[in-house]
Amino acid sequence: MLVFFTQNQMSILSTHSLSIGYSKKGILNTVQSNLDLKLMSGEMVCLIGPNGTGKSTLLRTLSGLQKPLSGKIQIDKQDLLKLSHTDKAILIALVLTEKIDVDNATVYDIVSFGRHPYSNWWGNISENDITLINESIDLVHLSHKKRNYLSELSDGERQRVMIAKALAQDTPIIMLDEPTAHLDLPNRVEIMLLLHKLAHTTGKAIVLSTHELDMALQAADRIWLMTSDKGIECGVPEDLVLNGHFNNAFQSKAYVFNSANGNFSMNYPMTRKVWVTGDKTRMYWTFRALARAGYMVVPEADFTININEKSWELNEREFFSVGELLSELDKLILN
């Protein structure tokens, strides 16, 4: 049976002077070096960073699929490099990005594969295995589709099946590479919330790489922020924002990260000026529309927009949509 988390957090995985990378045509390419990381039980860690900083390479190395260039990885105080494939499978469950298509396999069949490290030579499973499989399916809210074929499920449901398979493997660590990559927004949010809940209720350490920066800031207990020149910055999301590490890692001419609210905004060229006063709630969306249209909001402007609860006022005229307001501004600028 799945054991739910009741103990204090402890370090389940650690690295010491770890260097990761790969060899291509005999040339060694070091992606990251001198990494000292700690992964705690009962935490969800989001691994984020610009492309090319080594997120997938790190996950593959930590899970034992790829050898480190140097340094040590310890899981439950055991040297990862000295463990057998079976021992690794008992400690780490890995969910990769690739979509899984298996003909004539049900949800139950796929999740039951998670028990493979524990089954005998003939692949027989025990009553305890069956209980754990059913519990894992229930935890991802798919009990009503247990006998459905994988081909009958949506992308979001398929991803939950793979998470259930990892849960059935019953390892202290679950690693996921871009688990929301093929999903729409509602399913991305649901998967992130599900993984956060599972870390806290089962005590498993969950590490996932993601490009969903805004959701990582909201859902992660801790972030591993990979950079191209400063290794990995580790910390609570809010600390990485407030100390400037997050902004430094994602600097770009194309967008701006607002540390006040955690949002990314496109960096439009703004050559026009306007001033805005009034209702704070509607002001945010007005600012977005004005920026897209090339307007910067500054006090020393020729035009002032006053926002109230139902409309926008400009030059003593009232407008009842942002679209009408923008059209009027364009007319004023042309005149």
C-alpha atoms as a PDB file:
ATOM      1  CA  MET A   1       0.000   0.000   0.000  1.00  0.00           C
ATOM      2  CA  LEU A   2       1.082   3.577  -0.596  1.00  0.00           C
ATOM      3  CA  VAL A   3       2.424   5.142   2.587  1.00  0.00           C
ATOM      4  CA  PHE A   4       1.269   8.698   3.214  1.00  0.00           C
ATOM      5  CA  PHE A   5       3.728  11.270   4.519  1.00  0.00           C
ATOM      6  CA  THR A   6       3.747  11.797   8.274  1.00  0.00           C
ATOM      7  CA  GLN A   7       7.450  12.241   9.088  1.00  0.00           C
ATOM      8  CA  ASN A   8       9.734  15.243   8.966  1.00  0.00           C
ATOM      9  CA  GLN A   9      11.426  16.012   5.687  1.00  0.00           C
ATOM     10  CA  MET A  10      14.812  14.485   5.025  1.00  0.00           C
ATOM     11  CA  SER A  11      17.323  14.490   2.214  1.00  0.00           C
ATOM     12  CA  ILE A  12      16.668  11.544  -0.096  1.00  0.00           C
ATOM     13  CA  LEU A  13      19.082  12.495  -2.898  1.00  0.00           C
ATOM     14  CA  SER A  14      22.280  14.521  -2.897  1.00  0.00           C
ATOM     15  CA  THR A  15      25.060  15.312  -5.345  1.00  0.00           C
ATOM     16  CA  HIS A  16      28.659  16.209  -4.600  1.00  0.00           C
ATOM     17  CA  SER A  17      30.808  18.119  -7.122  1.00  0.00           C
ATOM     18  CA  LEU A  18      28.671  16.660  -9.895  1.00  0.00           C
ATOM     19  CA  SER A  19      29.559  17.422 -13.513  1.00  0.00           C
ATOM     20  CA  ILE A  20      27.166  16.443 -16.293  1.00  0.00           C
ATOM     21  CA  GLY A  21      27.378  16.384 -20.062  1.00  0.00           C
ATOM     22  CA  TYR A  22      27.940  14.065 -22.992  1.00  0.00           C
ATOM     23  CA  SER A  23      30.472  12.930 -25.529  1.00  0.00           C
ATOM     24  CA  LYS A  24      29.937  13.624 -29.227  1.00  0.00           C
ATOM     25  CA  LYS A  25      32.349  12.258 -31.821  1.00  0.00           C
ATOM     26  CA  GLY A  26      34.913  11.727 -29.099  1.00  0.00           C
ATOM     27  CA  ILE A  27      34.671  15.313 -27.844  1.00  0.00           C
ATOM     28  CA  LEU A  28      33.578  15.766 -24.216  1.00  0.00           C
ATOM     29  CA  ASN A  29      30.958  18.468 -23.721  1.00  0.00           C
ATOM     30  CA  THR A  30      30.463  19.572 -20.111  1.00  0.00           C
ATOM     31  CA  VAL A  31      27.026  21.129 -19.630  1.00  0.00           C
ATOM     32  CA  GLN A  32      27.138  21.831 -15.877  1.00  0.00           C
ATOM     33  CA  SER A  33      29.849  21.281 -13.286  1.00  0.00           C
ATOM     34  CA  ASN A  34      30.452  21.307  -9.518  1.00  0.00           C
ATOM     35  CA  LEU A  35      26.782  20.802  -8.644  1.00  0.00           C
ATOM     36  CA  ASP A  36      25.943  20.250  -4.976  1.00  0.00           C
ATOM     37  CA  LEU A  37      22.224  19.542  -4.797  1.00  0.00           C
ATOM     38  CA  LYS A  38      19.843  18.185  -2.184  1.00  0.00           C
ATOM     39  CA  LEU A  39      16.398  16.745  -2.814  1.00  0.00           C
ATOM     40  CA  MET A  40      14.053  16.529   0.154  1.00  0.00           C
ATOM     41  CA  SER A  41      11.255  14.046   0.726  1.00  0.00           C
ATOM     42  CA  GLY A  42       7.745  15.480   0.515  1.00  0.00           C
ATOM     43  CA  GLU A  43       8.792  18.335  -1.776  1.00  0.00           C
ATOM     44  CA  MET A  44       8.016  19.186  -5.388  1.00  0.00           C
ATOM     45  CA  VAL A  45      11.019  20.702  -7.140  1.00  0.00           C
ATOM     46  CA  CYS A  46      10.697  22.431 -10.510  1.00  0.00           C
ATOM     47  CA  LEU A  47      13.788  22.359 -12.683  1.00  0.00           C
ATOM     48  CA  ILE A  48      13.748  25.423 -14.926  1.00  0.00           C
ATOM     49  CA  GLY A  49      16.169  27.422 -17.026  1.00  0.00           C
ATOM     50  CA  PRO A  50      16.849  28.700 -20.538  1.00  0.00           C
ATOM     51  CA  ASN A  51      17.206  26.174 -23.361  1.00  0.00           C
ATOM     52  CA  GLY A  52      20.590  24.495 -23.513  1.00  0.00           C
ATOM     53  CA  THR A  53      21.401  24.768 -19.818  1.00  0.00           C
ATOM     54  CA  GLY A  54      21.091  20.996 -19.287  1.00  0.00           C
ATOM     55  CA  LYS A  55      17.689  20.290 -17.723  1.00  0.00           C
ATOM     56  CA  SER A  56      17.098  16.975 -19.505  1.00  0.00           C
ATOM     57  CA  THR A  57      20.763  15.998 -19.121  1.00  0.00           C
ATOM     58  CA  LEU A  58      20.531  16.526 -15.364  1.00  0.00           C
ATOM     59  CA  LEU A  59      17.351  14.446 -15.049  1.00  0.00           C
ATOM     60  CA  ARG A  60      18.843  11.623 -17.120  1.00  0.00           C
ATOM     61  CA  THR A  61      21.988  11.708 -14.983  1.00  0.00           C
ATOM     62  CA  LEU A  62      20.164  11.786 -11.651  1.00  0.00           C
ATOM     63  CA  SER A  63      17.914   8.908 -12.742  1.00  0.00           C
ATOM     64  CA  GLY A  64      20.859   6.743 -13.787  1.00  0.00           C
ATOM     65  CA  LEU A  65      20.145   6.726 -17.533  1.00  0.00           C
ATOM     66  CA  GLN A  66      23.347   8.643 -18.201  1.00  0.00           C
ATOM     67  CA  LYS A  67      26.661   8.512 -16.362  1.00  0.00           C
ATOM     68  CA  PRO A  68      28.003  11.701 -14.778  1.00  0.00           C
ATOM     69  CA  LEU A  69      31.266  13.085 -16.093  1.00  0.00           C
ATOM     70  CA  SER A  70      32.539  13.340 -12.525  1.00  0.00           C
ATOM     71  CA  GLY A  71      31.303  13.658  -8.959  1.00  0.00           C
ATOM     72  CA  LYS A  72      28.873  11.599  -6.903  1.00  0.00           C
ATOM     73  CA  ILE A  73      25.137  11.000  -6.714  1.00  0.00           C
ATOM     74  CA  GLN A  74      23.781   9.439  -3.549  1.00  0.00           C
ATOM     75  CA  ILE A  75      20.227   8.175  -3.138  1.00  0.00           C
ATOM     76  CA  ASP A  76      19.183   7.085   0.311  1.00  0.00           C
ATOM     77  CA  LYS A  77      22.929   7.189   1.175  1.00  0.00           C
ATOM     78  CA  GLN A  78      23.754   4.738  -1.642  1.00  0.00           C
ATOM     79  CA  ASP A  79      26.070   5.462  -4.570  1.00  0.00           C
ATOM     80  CA  LEU A  80      23.868   5.579  -7.680  1.00  0.00           C
ATOM     81  CA  LEU A  81      26.654   4.265  -9.945  1.00  0.00           C
ATOM     82  CA  LYS A  82      26.992   1.108  -7.849  1.00  0.00           C
ATOM     83  CA  LEU A  83      23.294   0.206  -7.957  1.00  0.00           C
ATOM     84  CA  SER A  84      21.831  -2.456 -10.244  1.00  0.00           C
ATOM     85  CA  HIS A  85      19.062  -1.622 -12.718  1.00  0.00           C
ATOM     86  CA  THR A  86      16.531  -3.241 -10.382  1.00  0.00           C
ATOM     87  CA  ASP A  87      17.781  -1.301  -7.362  1.00  0.00           C
ATOM     88  CA  LYS A  88      17.530   1.958  -9.348  1.00  0.00           C
ATOM     89  CA  ALA A  89      13.978   1.080 -10.384  1.00  0.00           C
ATOM     90  CA  ILE A  90      13.046   0.597  -6.729  1.00  0.00           C
ATOM     91  CA  LEU A  91      14.393   4.053  -5.848  1.00  0.00           C
ATOM     92  CA  ILE A  92      13.510   6.205  -8.885  1.00  0.00           C
ATOM     93  CA  ALA A  93      10.484   6.340 -11.186  1.00  0.00           C
ATOM     94  CA  LEU A  94      11.052   8.284 -14.406  1.00  0.00           C
ATOM     95  CA  VAL A  95       8.352   9.784 -16.651  1.00  0.00           C
ATOM     96  CA  LEU A  96       9.722  10.990 -19.994  1.00  0.00           C
ATOM     97  CA  THR A  97       8.289  13.497 -22.476  1.00  0.00           C
ATOM     98  CA  GLU A  98       7.468  11.062 -25.266  1.00  0.00           C
ATOM     99  CA  LYS A  99       3.827  10.161 -25.821  1.00  0.00           C
ATOM    100  CA  ILE A 100       3.103   6.494 -25.124  1.00  0.00           C
ATOM    101  CA  ASP A 101       1.004   4.520 -27.597  1.00  0.00           C
ATOM    102  CA  VAL A 102       0.414   0.878 -26.740  1.00  0.00           C
ATOM    103  CA  ASP A 103      -2.132  -1.118 -28.724  1.00  0.00           C
ATOM    104  CA  ASN A 104      -4.812  -2.958 -26.742  1.00  0.00           C
ATOM    105  CA  ALA A 105      -3.457  -1.839 -23.362  1.00  0.00           C
ATOM    106  CA  THR A 106      -5.859  -0.554 -20.725  1.00  0.00           C
ATOM    107  CA  VAL A 107      -5.179   2.034 -18.041  1.00  0.00           C
ATOM    108  CA  TYR A 108      -4.850  -0.807 -15.542  1.00  0.00           C
ATOM    109  CA  ASP A 109      -2.344  -2.624 -17.788  1.00  0.00           C
ATOM    110  CA  ILE A 110      -0.097   0.408 -18.155  1.00  0.00           C
ATOM    111  CA  VAL A 111      -0.138   1.242 -14.441  1.00  0.00           C
ATOM    112  CA  SER A 112       0.596  -2.387 -13.555  1.00  0.00           C
ATOM    113  CA  PHE A 113       3.894  -2.124 -15.477  1.00  0.00           C
ATOM    114  CA  GLY A 114       5.077  -0.006 -12.553  1.00  0.00           C
ATOM    115  CA  ARG A 115       5.196  -3.161 -10.446  1.00  0.00           C
ATOM    116  CA  HIS A 116       7.700  -4.828 -12.786  1.00  0.00           C
ATOM    117  CA  PRO A 117      10.746  -4.270 -10.493  1.00  0.00           C
ATOM    118  CA  TYR A 118       8.990  -6.273  -7.779  1.00  0.00           C
ATOM    119  CA  SER A 119       7.445  -9.104  -9.828  1.00  0.00           C
ATOM    120  CA  ASN A 120       8.910 -12.587 -10.116  1.00  0.00           C
ATOM    121  CA  TRP A 121      10.461 -14.238 -13.189  1.00  0.00           C
ATOM    122  CA  TRP A 122       6.993 -14.925 -14.662  1.00  0.00           C
ATOM    123  CA  GLY A 123       5.748 -11.414 -14.044  1.00  0.00           C
ATOM    124  CA  ASN A 124       3.115 -12.537 -11.546  1.00  0.00           C
ATOM    125  CA  ILE A 125       1.750  -9.881  -9.198  1.00  0.00           C
ATOM    126  CA  SER A 126       0.503 -10.278  -5.652  1.00  0.00           C
ATOM    127  CA  GLU A 127      -2.625  -9.054  -3.906  1.00  0.00           C
ATOM    128  CA  ASN A 128      -0.544  -6.217  -2.474  1.00  0.00           C
ATOM    129  CA  ASP A 129       0.529  -5.256  -6.006  1.00  0.00           C
ATOM    130  CA  ILE A 130      -3.094  -5.182  -7.153  1.00  0.00           C
ATOM    131  CA  THR A 131      -4.041  -2.992  -4.189  1.00  0.00           C
ATOM    132  CA  LEU A 132      -1.207  -0.571  -4.936  1.00  0.00           C
ATOM    133  CA  ILE A 133      -2.111  -0.406  -8.646  1.00  0.00           C
ATOM    134  CA  ASN A 134      -5.719   0.445  -7.822  1.00  0.00           C
ATOM    135  CA  GLU A 135      -4.665   3.033  -5.236  1.00  0.00           C
ATOM    136  CA  SER A 136      -2.348   4.691  -7.764  1.00  0.00           C
ATOM    137  CA  ILE A 137      -5.119   4.905 -10.359  1.00  0.00           C
ATOM    138  CA  ASP A 138      -7.436   6.364  -7.750  1.00  0.00           C
ATOM    139  CA  LEU A 139      -4.878   9.004  -6.716  1.00  0.00           C
ATOM    140  CA  VAL A 140      -4.829  10.420 -10.269  1.00  0.00           C
ATOM    141  CA  HIS A 141      -8.653  10.291 -10.429  1.00  0.00           C
ATOM    142  CA  LEU A 142      -8.940   7.689 -13.201  1.00  0.00           C
ATOM    143  CA  SER A 143     -10.717   4.841 -11.422  1.00  0.00           C
ATOM    144  CA  HIS A 144     -13.740   5.306 -13.674  1.00  0.00           C
ATOM    145  CA  LYS A 145     -11.528   4.678 -16.735  1.00  0.00           C
ATOM    146  CA  LYS A 146      -9.478   1.824 -15.336  1.00  0.00           C
ATOM    147  CA  ARG A 147     -10.615  -0.592 -18.081  1.00  0.00           C
ATOM    148  CA  ASN A 148     -10.453   1.932 -20.917  1.00  0.00           C
ATOM    149  CA  TYR A 149      -7.795   1.523 -23.586  1.00  0.00           C
ATOM    150  CA  LEU A 150      -5.027   4.088 -23.623  1.00  0.00           C
ATOM    151  CA  SER A 151      -6.067   5.083 -27.150  1.00  0.00           C
ATOM    152  CA  GLU A 152      -9.452   6.178 -25.797  1.00  0.00           C
ATOM    153  CA  LEU A 153      -7.988   8.775 -23.427  1.00  0.00           C
ATOM    154  CA  SER A 154      -7.224  12.465 -23.855  1.00  0.00           C
ATOM    155  CA  ASP A 155      -3.625  13.717 -23.646  1.00  0.00           C
ATOM    156  CA  GLY A 156      -4.214  14.947 -20.104  1.00  0.00           C
ATOM    157  CA  GLU A 157      -5.606  11.578 -19.033  1.00  0.00           C
ATOM    158  CA  ARG A 158      -2.673   9.759 -20.632  1.00  0.00           C
ATOM    159  CA  GLN A 159      -0.245  11.885 -18.659  1.00  0.00           C
ATOM    160  CA  ARG A 160      -2.100  11.024 -15.467  1.00  0.00           C
ATOM    161  CA  VAL A 161      -1.810   7.334 -16.394  1.00  0.00           C
ATOM    162  CA  MET A 162       1.985   7.690 -16.609  1.00  0.00           C
ATOM    163  CA  ILE A 163       2.025   9.441 -13.232  1.00  0.00           C
ATOM    164  CA  ALA A 164      -0.057   6.585 -11.789  1.00  0.00           C
ATOM    165  CA  LYS A 165       2.450   4.090 -13.232  1.00  0.00           C
ATOM    166  CA  ALA A 166       5.240   5.987 -11.440  1.00  0.00           C
ATOM    167  CA  LEU A 167       3.198   5.927  -8.215  1.00  0.00           C
ATOM    168  CA  ALA A 168       2.637   2.182  -8.567  1.00  0.00           C
ATOM    169  CA  GLN A 169       6.399   1.759  -8.832  1.00  0.00           C
ATOM    170  CA  ASP A 170       6.343   3.031  -5.242  1.00  0.00           C
ATOM    171  CA  THR A 171       9.726   4.754  -5.276  1.00  0.00           C
ATOM    172  CA  PRO A 172      10.789   7.532  -2.890  1.00  0.00           C
ATOM    173  CA  ILE A 173      11.674   9.694  -5.925  1.00  0.00           C
ATOM    174  CA  ILE A 174       9.667  10.508  -9.053  1.00  0.00           C
ATOM    175  CA  MET A 175      11.313  12.440 -11.900  1.00  0.00           C
ATOM    176  CA  LEU A 176       9.364  13.876 -14.822  1.00  0.00           C
ATOM    177  CA  ASP A 177      10.729  15.491 -17.978  1.00  0.00           C
ATOM    178  CA  GLU A 178       8.315  18.165 -19.268  1.00  0.00           C
ATOM    179  CA  PRO A 179       5.138  16.426 -17.985  1.00  0.00           C
ATOM    180  CA  THR A 180       2.871  19.201 -19.322  1.00  0.00           C
ATOM    181  CA  ALA A 181       4.532  19.627 -22.739  1.00  0.00           C
ATOM    182  CA  HIS A 182       1.645  18.299 -24.864  1.00  0.00           C
ATOM    183  CA  LEU A 183      -1.244  19.604 -22.791  1.00  0.00           C
ATOM    184  CA  ASP A 184      -3.628  22.540 -22.983  1.00  0.00           C
ATOM    185  CA  LEU A 185      -3.758  25.120 -20.185  1.00  0.00           C
ATOM    186  CA  PRO A 186      -6.454  23.507 -17.976  1.00  0.00           C
ATOM    187  CA  ASN A 187      -4.639  20.152 -18.093  1.00  0.00           C
ATOM    188  CA  ARG A 188      -1.258  21.783 -17.436  1.00  0.00           C
ATOM    189  CA  VAL A 189      -2.631  23.416 -14.303  1.00  0.00           C
ATOM    190  CA  GLU A 190      -4.308  20.184 -13.202  1.00  0.00           C
ATOM    191  CA  ILE A 191      -1.118  18.136 -13.606  1.00  0.00           C
ATOM    192  CA  MET A 192       0.976  20.666 -11.683  1.00  0.00           C
ATOM    193  CA  LEU A 193      -1.529  20.776  -8.832  1.00  0.00           C
ATOM    194  CA  LEU A 194      -1.757  16.981  -8.813  1.00  0.00           C
ATOM    195  CA  LEU A 195       2.014  16.549  -8.568  1.00  0.00           C
ATOM    196  CA  HIS A 196       2.238  19.133  -5.781  1.00  0.00           C
ATOM    197  CA  LYS A 197      -0.497  17.353  -3.841  1.00  0.00           C
ATOM    198  CA  LEU A 198       1.111  13.922  -4.342  1.00  0.00           C
ATOM    199  CA  ALA A 199       4.464  15.150  -3.009  1.00  0.00           C
ATOM    200  CA  HIS A 200       2.797  16.470   0.122  1.00  0.00           C
ATOM    201  CA  THR A 201       0.439  13.549   0.747  1.00  0.00           C
ATOM    202  CA  THR A 202       2.743  10.616  -0.070  1.00  0.00           C
ATOM    203  CA  GLY A 203       6.063  12.072   1.072  1.00  0.00           C
ATOM    204  CA  LYS A 204       7.692  11.295  -2.260  1.00  0.00           C
ATOM    205  CA  ALA A 205      10.279  13.695  -3.658  1.00  0.00           C
ATOM    206  CA  ILE A 206       9.059  14.883  -7.064  1.00  0.00           C
ATOM    207  CA  VAL A 207      11.375  16.612  -9.541  1.00  0.00           C
ATOM    208  CA  LEU A 208      10.089  17.883 -12.865  1.00  0.00           C
ATOM    209  CA  SER A 209      11.634  19.921 -15.639  1.00  0.00           C
ATOM    210  CA  THR A 210       9.313  22.498 -17.156  1.00  0.00           C
ATOM    211  CA  HIS A 211       9.108  25.567 -19.364  1.00  0.00           C
ATOM    212  CA  GLU A 212       5.951  26.658 -17.503  1.00  0.00           C
ATOM    213  CA  LEU A 213       7.727  29.416 -15.603  1.00  0.00           C
ATOM    214  CA  ASP A 214       4.627  31.099 -14.201  1.00  0.00           C
ATOM    215  CA  MET A 215       3.210  27.798 -12.920  1.00  0.00           C
ATOM    216  CA  ALA A 216       6.570  26.724 -11.508  1.00  0.00           C
ATOM    217  CA  LEU A 217       6.663  29.935  -9.467  1.00  0.00           C
ATOM    218  CA  GLN A 218       3.225  29.130  -8.059  1.00  0.00           C
ATOM    219  CA  ALA A 219       3.387  25.349  -7.556  1.00  0.00           C
ATOM    220  CA  ALA A 220       6.983  24.459  -6.680  1.00  0.00           C
ATOM    221  CA  ASP A 221       8.117  24.090  -3.083  1.00  0.00           C
ATOM    222  CA  ARG A 222      11.630  24.681  -4.333  1.00  0.00           C
ATOM    223  CA  ILE A 223      13.155  25.645  -7.666  1.00  0.00           C
ATOM    224  CA  TRP A 224      16.399  24.486  -9.212  1.00  0.00           C
ATOM    225  CA  LEU A 225      17.202  27.357 -11.566  1.00  0.00           C
ATOM    226  CA  MET A 226      19.732  26.280 -14.185  1.00  0.00           C
ATOM    227  CA  THR A 227      21.876  28.997 -15.718  1.00  0.00           C
ATOM    228  CA  SER A 228      24.457  28.900 -18.483  1.00  0.00           C
ATOM    229  CA  ASP A 229      27.252  30.474 -16.431  1.00  0.00           C
ATOM    230  CA  LYS A 230      26.415  30.251 -12.721  1.00  0.00           C
ATOM    231  CA  GLY A 231      25.445  26.613 -12.252  1.00  0.00           C
ATOM    232  CA  ILE A 232      22.177  25.965 -10.447  1.00  0.00           C
ATOM    233  CA  GLU A 233      20.558  28.422  -8.056  1.00  0.00           C
ATOM    234  CA  CYS A 234      18.348  26.592  -5.543  1.00  0.00           C
ATOM    235  CA  GLY A 235      15.664  28.102  -3.370  1.00  0.00           C
ATOM    236  CA  VAL A 236      12.057  28.869  -2.623  1.00  0.00           C
ATOM    237  CA  PRO A 237      10.477  30.506  -5.724  1.00  0.00           C
ATOM    238  CA  GLU A 238       9.821  33.828  -4.009  1.00  0.00           C
ATOM    239  CA  ASP A 239      13.441  34.109  -2.836  1.00  0.00           C
ATOM    240  CA  LEU A 240      14.775  33.552  -6.356  1.00  0.00           C
ATOM    241  CA  VAL A 241      12.495  36.322  -7.633  1.00  0.00           C
ATOM    242  CA  LEU A 242      13.283  38.790  -4.858  1.00  0.00           C
ATOM    243  CA  ASN A 243      17.055  38.281  -4.973  1.00  0.00           C
ATOM    244  CA  GLY A 244      17.101  38.855  -8.741  1.00  0.00           C
ATOM    245  CA  HIS A 245      18.339  35.396  -9.791  1.00  0.00           C
ATOM    246  CA  PHE A 246      15.150  34.608 -11.706  1.00  0.00           C
ATOM    247  CA  ASN A 247      15.189  37.870 -13.626  1.00  0.00           C
ATOM    248  CA  ASN A 248      18.895  37.491 -14.470  1.00  0.00           C
ATOM    249  CA  ALA A 249      18.377  33.993 -15.844  1.00  0.00           C
ATOM    250  CA  PHE A 250      15.558  35.004 -18.174  1.00  0.00           C
ATOM    251  CA  GLN A 251      16.685  38.406 -19.437  1.00  0.00           C
ATOM    252  CA  SER A 252      15.552  39.043 -22.986  1.00  0.00           C
ATOM    253  CA  LYS A 253      14.882  41.892 -25.388  1.00  0.00           C
ATOM    254  CA  ALA A 254      11.619  40.188 -26.348  1.00  0.00           C
ATOM    255  CA  TYR A 255       9.941  40.202 -22.924  1.00  0.00           C
ATOM    256  CA  VAL A 256      10.104  41.685 -19.427  1.00  0.00           C
ATOM    257  CA  PHE A 257       9.670  39.801 -16.145  1.00  0.00           C
ATOM    258  CA  ASN A 258       7.697  41.798 -13.597  1.00  0.00           C
ATOM    259  CA  SER A 259       9.018  40.840 -10.160  1.00  0.00           C
ATOM    260  CA  ALA A 260       6.082  42.632  -8.525  1.00  0.00           C
ATOM    261  CA  ASN A 261       3.509  40.096  -9.779  1.00  0.00           C
ATOM    262  CA  GLY A 262       5.528  37.260 -11.337  1.00  0.00           C
ATOM    263  CA  ASN A 263       4.224  37.852 -14.861  1.00  0.00           C
ATOM    264  CA  PHE A 264       6.079  37.941 -18.155  1.00  0.00           C
ATOM    265  CA  SER A 265       5.137  40.731 -20.548  1.00  0.00           C
ATOM    266  CA  MET A 266       6.057  41.084 -24.202  1.00  0.00           C
ATOM    267  CA  ASN A 267       8.469  43.936 -24.756  1.00  0.00           C
ATOM    268  CA  TYR A 268       6.618  46.009 -27.349  1.00  0.00           C
ATOM    269  CA  PRO A 269       8.231  49.073 -28.941  1.00  0.00           C
ATOM    270  CA  MET A 270       6.344  51.986 -27.337  1.00  0.00           C
ATOM    271  CA  THR A 271       6.569  55.386 -29.043  1.00  0.00           C
ATOM    272  CA  ARG A 272       3.321  57.006 -27.884  1.00  0.00           C
ATOM    273  CA  LYS A 273       2.449  58.444 -24.471  1.00  0.00           C
ATOM    274  CA  VAL A 274      -0.742  58.391 -22.429  1.00  0.00           C
ATOM    275  CA  TRP A 275      -1.654  58.752 -18.742  1.00  0.00           C
ATOM    276  CA  VAL A 276      -4.143  56.480 -16.957  1.00  0.00           C
ATOM    277  CA  THR A 277      -6.062  56.960 -13.697  1.00  0.00           C
ATOM    278  CA  GLY A 278      -8.997  55.294 -11.983  1.00  0.00           C
ATOM    279  CA  ASP A 279     -10.178  51.738 -11.260  1.00  0.00           C
ATOM    280  CA  LYS A 280      -7.226  49.517 -10.291  1.00  0.00           C
ATOM    281  CA  THR A 281      -8.782  46.203 -11.352  1.00  0.00           C
ATOM    282  CA  ARG A 282      -9.499  47.291 -14.915  1.00  0.00           C
ATOM    283  CA  MET A 283      -6.263  49.272 -15.105  1.00  0.00           C
ATOM    284  CA  TYR A 284      -4.083  46.129 -15.467  1.00  0.00           C
ATOM    285  CA  TRP A 285      -5.931  44.992 -18.600  1.00  0.00           C
ATOM    286  CA  THR A 286      -5.961  48.516 -19.978  1.00  0.00           C
ATOM    287  CA  PHE A 287      -2.182  48.721 -19.550  1.00  0.00           C
ATOM    288  CA  ARG A 288      -1.782  45.458 -21.473  1.00  0.00           C
ATOM    289  CA  ALA A 289      -3.865  46.725 -24.377  1.00  0.00           C
ATOM    290  CA  LEU A 290      -2.064  50.079 -24.446  1.00  0.00           C
ATOM    291  CA  ALA A 291       1.380  48.415 -24.448  1.00  0.00           C
ATOM    292  CA  ARG A 292       0.394  46.177 -27.354  1.00  0.00           C
ATOM    293  CA  ALA A 293      -0.750  49.281 -29.258  1.00  0.00           C
ATOM    294  CA  GLY A 294       2.585  51.017 -28.582  1.00  0.00           C
ATOM    295  CA  TYR A 295       1.580  53.360 -25.736  1.00  0.00           C
ATOM    296  CA  MET A 296       3.739  53.960 -22.672  1.00  0.00           C
ATOM    297  CA  VAL A 297       1.927  55.168 -19.554  1.00  0.00           C
ATOM    298  CA  VAL A 298       3.642  58.291 -18.215  1.00  0.00           C
ATOM    299  CA  PRO A 299       2.373  61.451 -16.393  1.00  0.00           C
ATOM    300  CA  GLU A 300       3.723  63.877 -19.001  1.00  0.00           C
ATOM    301  CA  ALA A 301       1.317  62.796 -21.760  1.00  0.00           C
ATOM    302  CA  ASP A 302      -1.031  64.652 -24.082  1.00  0.00           C
ATOM    303  CA  PHE A 303      -3.980  62.395 -23.287  1.00  0.00           C
ATOM    304  CA  THR A 304      -5.422  61.126 -19.994  1.00  0.00           C
ATOM    305  CA  ILE A 305      -7.680  58.088 -19.699  1.00  0.00           C
ATOM    306  CA  ASN A 306      -9.881  57.805 -16.633  1.00  0.00           C
ATOM    307  CA  ILE A 307     -11.163  54.306 -15.847  1.00  0.00           C
ATOM    308  CA  ASN A 308     -14.317  53.697 -13.835  1.00  0.00           C
ATOM    309  CA  GLU A 309     -16.199  50.484 -13.048  1.00  0.00           C
ATOM    310  CA  LYS A 310     -18.084  50.366 -16.365  1.00  0.00           C
ATOM    311  CA  SER A 311     -16.278  52.528 -18.909  1.00  0.00           C
ATOM    312  CA  TRP A 312     -13.241  54.534 -20.003  1.00  0.00           C
ATOM    313  CA  GLU A 313     -13.267  58.333 -20.330  1.00  0.00           C
ATOM    314  CA  LEU A 314     -11.063  60.158 -22.818  1.00  0.00           C
ATOM    315  CA  ASN A 315     -11.433  63.853 -23.802  1.00  0.00           C
ATOM    316  CA  GLU A 316     -14.836  63.978 -22.042  1.00  0.00           C
ATOM    317  CA  ARG A 317     -16.114  61.053 -24.141  1.00  0.00           C
ATOM    318  CA  GLU A 318     -17.130  57.706 -22.647  1.00  0.00           C
ATOM    319  CA  PHE A 319     -16.191  54.319 -24.140  1.00  0.00           C
ATOM    320  CA  PHE A 320     -17.524  50.953 -23.082  1.00  0.00           C
ATOM    321  CA  SER A 321     -14.837  48.627 -24.470  1.00  0.00           C
ATOM    322  CA  VAL A 322     -11.064  48.616 -24.773  1.00  0.00           C
ATOM    323  CA  GLY A 323     -11.454  48.237 -28.521  1.00  0.00           C
ATOM    324  CA  GLU A 324     -13.423  51.505 -28.774  1.00  0.00           C
ATOM    325  CA  LEU A 325     -10.857  53.256 -26.598  1.00  0.00           C
ATOM    326  CA  LEU A 326      -7.932  52.151 -28.777  1.00  0.00           C
ATOM    327  CA  SER A 327      -9.738  53.238 -31.955  1.00  0.00           C
ATOM    328  CA  GLU A 328     -10.321  56.703 -30.510  1.00  0.00           C
ATOM    329  CA  LEU A 329      -6.676  57.018 -29.454  1.00  0.00           C
ATOM    330  CA  ASP A 330      -5.548  56.124 -32.972  1.00  0.00           C
ATOM    331  CA  LYS A 331      -7.814  58.835 -34.403  1.00  0.00           C
ATOM    332  CA  LEU A 332      -6.431  61.410 -31.975  1.00  0.00           C
ATOM    333  CA  ILE A 333      -2.834  60.497 -32.818  1.00  0.00           C
ATOM    334  CA  LEU A 334      -3.484  60.732 -36.570  1.00  0.00           C
ATOM    335  CA  ASN A 335      -5.111  64.140 -36.151  1.00  0.00           C
END
